[in-house]
Amino acid sequence: MMRDLRIALEPVAIKSQLSPQGKQIFWNITAGGYQLTGVGLVSQTAMLFSGR
């Protein structure tokens, strides 16, 4: 799932079109720092796509 999320976000990140929260999430994914599972992962993904 994290791989799919990274693949989906990479083109947007390259174009510098991520929100500040999206940038942080993408950075954590690419740096290997995201170890969220279950509800934590879902809530972070929902926040990213909801614009909050």
Protein backbone atom coordinates (compact mmCIF):
# COMPACT_ATOMS: atom_id res chain seq x y z
CA MET A 1 0.00 0.00 0.00
CA MET A 2 2.81 2.45 0.84
CA ARG A 3 4.45 1.68 -2.49
CA ASP A 4 1.23 2.50 -4.34
CA LEU A 5 0.84 5.74 -2.38
CA ARG A 6 4.41 6.73 -3.15
CA ILE A 7 3.91 6.01 -6.87
CA ALA A 8 0.72 8.08 -6.88
CA LEU A 9 2.30 11.04 -5.09
CA GLU A 10 5.65 11.13 -6.86
CA PRO A 11 4.53 13.04 -10.00
CA VAL A 12 2.75 15.63 -7.86
CA ALA A 13 5.79 15.99 -5.62
CA ILE A 14 8.10 16.46 -8.61
CA LYS A 15 5.86 19.32 -9.78
CA SER A 16 5.96 20.81 -6.23
CA GLN A 17 2.16 20.65 -6.00
CA LEU A 18 1.82 18.91 -2.64
CA SER A 19 0.30 20.64 0.36
CA PRO A 20 2.57 21.10 3.40
CA GLN A 21 1.01 17.99 4.98
CA GLY A 22 1.36 16.09 1.71
CA LYS A 23 5.04 17.03 1.55
CA GLN A 24 5.60 15.72 5.06
CA ILE A 25 3.81 12.46 4.33
CA PHE A 26 5.70 12.02 1.05
CA TRP A 27 9.02 12.78 2.75
CA ASN A 28 8.30 10.21 5.44
CA ILE A 29 7.34 7.60 2.85
CA THR A 30 10.45 8.17 0.73
CA ALA A 31 12.73 8.31 3.76
CA GLY A 32 11.31 5.00 5.01
CA GLY A 33 10.08 6.62 8.21
CA TYR A 34 6.41 5.77 7.86
CA GLN A 35 5.54 2.71 9.86
CA LEU A 36 1.84 3.44 10.22
CA THR A 37 -0.65 0.66 9.80
CA GLY A 38 -4.40 0.34 10.02
CA VAL A 39 -6.32 3.38 11.21
CA GLY A 40 -3.21 5.58 11.46
CA LEU A 41 -2.35 5.05 7.81
CA VAL A 42 -5.93 5.54 6.70
CA SER A 43 -6.31 8.77 8.66
CA GLN A 44 -3.05 10.18 7.28
CA THR A 45 -4.06 9.31 3.73
CA ALA A 46 -7.53 10.80 4.26
CA MET A 47 -6.00 14.03 5.57
CA LEU A 48 -3.74 14.22 2.55
CA PHE A 49 -6.56 13.93 0.05
CA SER A 50 -9.09 16.02 1.98
CA GLY A 51 -6.81 19.06 2.10
CA ARG A 52 -6.92 19.45 5.88
